[in-house]
Amino acid sequence: MAIEMWSAFVLAVIVFCIIPGPTVILVIGQAMAHGKKSVLPLVSGVLAGDFVAMSLSLLGLGAVLATSAQLFLILKWFGVCYLIYLGYKTFTAKVATDTADSPTVTKSGFSMFKDAFLVTALNPKDIVFFVAFLPQFITPSEPIAIQLSILILTFLTIVAINITFYTVFAGKMREHIKSASAKKWFNRIGGSALVGAGGITATMQKA
């Protein structure tokens, strides 16, 4: 793969990543609710979800979604309902009152991983995007498998850096808040952000 082609891909992915979407809003909301302990499960969940979304695109689901309005709507509204559900749970979660370092919401790392994974992997817009996006940077005369491996690894690396930044930043903000009242407001802000992400997803239209 030519360095010029790879550089163009990197630039395009950076632009794609810095635009906040449902996944970014999800990780910020969850990090604000759970603090620094959420970083690893959230980043891992997003990476796993993006890998599955890209795999589904390459297997042909992206093309099916691009032509099937019904399937697109089913996946879209599943994501909408799930984001709103997560928002409600975060908004109404109880906070710890004993020490500043205590977890503010009782939620396992696996649960946070699952939330990030589902929201990312089942976003129909991302699946359609991958099937239209990746082929633009493939040179037919060169080995396809090697090029796809490079593009996928590059994409996941940039996503990991981007999501880690958002999660660590939001988590550190939460860790510096000591009062239970302030933590409760962080839950409400994070929960509202997740509901808002559901609203954004609801407005998505099939390309």
Protein backbone atom coordinates (compact mmCIF):
# COMPACT_ATOMS: atom_id res chain seq x y z
CA MET A 1 0.00 0.00 0.00
CA ALA A 2 1.36 3.40 -1.03
CA ILE A 3 2.17 5.77 1.83
CA GLU A 4 0.08 8.48 0.15
CA MET A 5 -3.00 6.24 0.18
CA TRP A 6 -2.42 5.25 3.81
CA SER A 7 -1.91 8.88 4.85
CA ALA A 8 -5.17 9.87 3.19
CA PHE A 9 -6.92 7.07 5.05
CA VAL A 10 -5.46 8.21 8.39
CA LEU A 11 -6.63 11.77 7.80
CA ALA A 12 -10.12 10.60 6.84
CA VAL A 13 -10.39 8.39 9.95
CA ILE A 14 -9.23 11.22 12.23
CA VAL A 15 -11.94 13.49 10.83
CA PHE A 16 -14.48 10.67 11.25
CA CYS A 17 -13.43 10.06 14.87
CA ILE A 18 -13.37 13.64 16.14
CA ILE A 19 -17.00 14.22 15.16
CA PRO A 20 -18.98 13.18 18.28
CA GLY A 21 -21.52 10.45 17.59
CA PRO A 22 -23.54 8.04 19.74
CA THR A 23 -20.47 6.00 20.69
CA VAL A 24 -18.48 9.03 21.86
CA ILE A 25 -21.45 10.35 23.82
CA LEU A 26 -21.89 6.89 25.35
CA VAL A 27 -18.31 6.63 26.61
CA ILE A 28 -18.32 10.18 27.96
CA GLY A 29 -21.60 9.57 29.79
CA GLN A 30 -20.41 6.25 31.22
CA ALA A 31 -17.02 7.67 32.24
CA MET A 32 -18.72 10.57 33.98
CA ALA A 33 -20.89 8.08 35.86
CA HIS A 34 -18.20 5.51 36.76
CA GLY A 35 -14.87 7.34 36.80
CA LYS A 36 -11.42 6.09 35.82
CA LYS A 37 -12.32 2.40 36.29
CA SER A 38 -14.48 2.63 33.17
CA VAL A 39 -11.61 3.41 30.77
CA LEU A 40 -10.45 -0.14 29.95
CA PRO A 41 -13.90 -1.78 29.55
CA LEU A 42 -15.28 1.12 27.51
CA VAL A 43 -12.31 1.35 25.14
CA SER A 44 -12.23 -2.44 24.76
CA GLY A 45 -15.97 -2.51 24.06
CA VAL A 46 -15.74 0.17 21.39
CA LEU A 47 -12.81 -1.54 19.67
CA ALA A 48 -14.57 -4.90 19.69
CA GLY A 49 -17.73 -3.27 18.38
CA ASP A 50 -15.91 -1.49 15.56
CA PHE A 51 -14.11 -4.70 14.62
CA VAL A 52 -17.42 -6.57 14.42
CA ALA A 53 -19.02 -3.73 12.45
CA MET A 54 -16.18 -3.76 9.93
CA SER A 55 -16.32 -7.55 9.69
CA LEU A 56 -20.07 -7.48 9.08
CA SER A 57 -19.55 -4.85 6.40
CA LEU A 58 -16.91 -6.91 4.63
CA LEU A 59 -19.15 -10.00 4.84
CA GLY A 60 -21.88 -8.13 2.98
CA LEU A 61 -24.26 -6.96 5.70
CA GLY A 62 -23.40 -3.36 4.89
CA ALA A 63 -24.63 -3.80 1.34
CA VAL A 64 -27.82 -5.44 2.62
CA LEU A 65 -28.44 -2.58 5.06
CA ALA A 66 -27.87 -0.05 2.29
CA THR A 67 -30.72 -1.57 0.28
CA SER A 68 -33.06 -2.79 3.03
CA ALA A 69 -34.89 0.06 4.75
CA GLN A 70 -36.66 -2.35 7.10
CA LEU A 71 -33.48 -3.99 8.42
CA PHE A 72 -31.83 -0.60 8.76
CA LEU A 73 -34.75 0.68 10.84
CA ILE A 74 -34.77 -2.42 13.05
CA LEU A 75 -31.11 -1.99 13.98
CA LYS A 76 -31.46 1.78 14.30
CA TRP A 77 -34.38 1.62 16.72
CA PHE A 78 -32.72 -1.11 18.75
CA GLY A 79 -29.81 1.26 19.23
CA VAL A 80 -32.13 4.16 20.07
CA CYS A 81 -33.99 2.19 22.74
CA TYR A 82 -30.78 0.81 24.23
CA LEU A 83 -29.17 4.26 24.50
CA ILE A 84 -32.28 5.70 26.14
CA TYR A 85 -32.37 2.75 28.56
CA LEU A 86 -28.72 3.33 29.49
CA GLY A 87 -29.43 7.03 29.89
CA TYR A 88 -32.31 6.36 32.27
CA LYS A 89 -30.23 3.91 34.34
CA THR A 90 -27.36 6.39 34.60
CA PHE A 91 -29.64 9.35 35.36
CA THR A 92 -31.36 7.53 38.23
CA ALA A 93 -28.29 5.69 39.61
CA LYS A 94 -27.43 6.15 43.28
CA VAL A 95 -24.06 7.55 44.29
CA ALA A 96 -21.69 6.51 47.07
CA THR A 97 -21.43 8.82 50.05
CA ASP A 98 -18.64 7.27 52.11
CA THR A 99 -15.39 8.30 50.36
CA ALA A 100 -14.44 10.21 47.27
CA ASP A 101 -12.65 7.18 45.83
CA SER A 102 -15.60 4.82 46.20
CA PRO A 103 -17.35 3.73 43.02
CA THR A 104 -20.32 5.99 42.46
CA VAL A 105 -22.40 3.45 40.61
CA THR A 106 -22.42 -0.31 41.09
CA LYS A 107 -21.68 -1.56 37.60
CA SER A 108 -19.27 -4.26 36.49
CA GLY A 109 -16.56 -3.84 33.91
CA PHE A 110 -18.22 -6.50 31.78
CA SER A 111 -21.48 -4.57 31.82
CA MET A 112 -19.74 -1.40 30.63
CA PHE A 113 -17.90 -3.41 27.96
CA LYS A 114 -21.19 -4.90 26.79
CA ASP A 115 -22.88 -1.50 26.56
CA ALA A 116 -20.05 0.01 24.52
CA PHE A 117 -19.84 -3.07 22.31
CA LEU A 118 -23.55 -3.23 21.48
CA VAL A 119 -23.95 0.48 20.78
CA THR A 120 -20.90 0.46 18.50
CA ALA A 121 -21.35 -2.87 16.72
CA LEU A 122 -25.07 -2.51 15.98
CA ASN A 123 -24.98 1.05 14.67
CA PRO A 124 -26.32 0.51 11.12
CA LYS A 125 -24.90 3.80 9.89
CA ASP A 126 -21.37 2.68 10.79
CA ILE A 127 -21.82 -0.67 9.06
CA VAL A 128 -23.00 1.03 5.87
CA PHE A 129 -20.18 3.58 6.23
CA PHE A 130 -17.50 0.89 6.40
CA VAL A 131 -18.72 -0.91 3.29
CA ALA A 132 -18.64 2.38 1.35
CA PHE A 133 -15.49 3.77 2.98
CA LEU A 134 -12.87 1.04 3.09
CA PRO A 135 -12.97 0.09 -0.63
CA GLN A 136 -11.98 3.67 -1.55
CA PHE A 137 -8.50 2.99 -0.17
CA ILE A 138 -7.98 -0.46 -1.70
CA THR A 139 -5.71 -0.91 -4.72
CA PRO A 140 -7.12 -3.85 -6.75
CA SER A 141 -3.73 -4.76 -8.21
CA GLU A 142 -2.23 -5.37 -4.76
CA PRO A 143 -3.03 -8.17 -2.24
CA ILE A 144 -6.46 -7.34 -0.81
CA ALA A 145 -6.05 -9.19 2.49
CA ILE A 146 -2.86 -7.34 3.41
CA GLN A 147 -4.38 -3.97 2.57
CA LEU A 148 -7.53 -4.69 4.60
CA SER A 149 -5.42 -5.79 7.56
CA ILE A 150 -3.43 -2.56 7.45
CA LEU A 151 -6.56 -0.40 7.13
CA ILE A 152 -8.43 -2.19 9.91
CA LEU A 153 -5.45 -2.08 12.29
CA THR A 154 -4.93 1.61 11.51
CA PHE A 155 -8.59 2.40 12.06
CA LEU A 156 -8.74 0.55 15.40
CA THR A 157 -5.54 2.25 16.61
CA ILE A 158 -6.89 5.73 15.89
CA VAL A 159 -10.24 4.83 17.47
CA ALA A 160 -8.45 3.52 20.58
CA ILE A 161 -6.51 6.77 20.99
CA ASN A 162 -9.62 8.89 20.41
CA ILE A 163 -11.91 6.96 22.76
CA THR A 164 -9.21 6.73 25.45
CA PHE A 165 -8.82 10.50 25.38
CA TYR A 166 -12.54 11.12 25.77
CA THR A 167 -12.91 8.49 28.48
CA VAL A 168 -9.89 9.53 30.54
CA PHE A 169 -10.86 13.19 30.34
CA ALA A 170 -14.43 12.54 31.49
CA GLY A 171 -13.27 10.06 34.12
CA LYS A 172 -10.74 12.51 35.60
CA MET A 173 -13.41 15.18 35.80
CA ARG A 174 -15.56 12.77 37.79
CA GLU A 175 -12.70 11.71 40.09
CA HIS A 176 -12.10 15.32 41.15
CA ILE A 177 -15.69 15.70 42.29
CA LYS A 178 -16.00 14.81 45.96
CA SER A 179 -19.52 15.72 47.04
CA ALA A 180 -22.39 13.26 46.58
CA SER A 181 -24.58 16.08 45.28
CA ALA A 182 -22.09 16.95 42.53
CA LYS A 183 -21.69 13.27 41.62
CA LYS A 184 -25.45 12.98 41.32
CA TRP A 185 -25.43 15.86 38.87
CA PHE A 186 -22.70 14.14 36.89
CA ASN A 187 -24.97 11.10 36.68
CA ARG A 188 -27.78 13.31 35.44
CA ILE A 189 -25.57 15.00 32.85
CA GLY A 190 -24.21 11.64 31.67
CA GLY A 191 -27.68 10.11 31.58
CA SER A 192 -29.06 13.08 29.66
CA ALA A 193 -26.18 12.79 27.18
CA LEU A 194 -27.02 9.13 26.57
CA VAL A 195 -30.68 9.95 26.00
CA GLY A 196 -29.53 12.69 23.65
CA ALA A 197 -27.39 10.16 21.79
CA GLY A 198 -30.53 8.06 21.39
CA GLY A 199 -32.27 11.09 19.93
CA ILE A 200 -29.40 11.67 17.50
CA THR A 201 -29.52 8.04 16.41
CA ALA A 202 -33.28 8.30 15.90
CA THR A 203 -32.76 11.07 13.33
CA MET A 204 -30.33 9.02 11.23
CA GLN A 205 -31.58 8.27 7.75
CA LYS A 206 -30.45 5.49 5.44
CA ALA A 207 -28.04 6.86 2.90
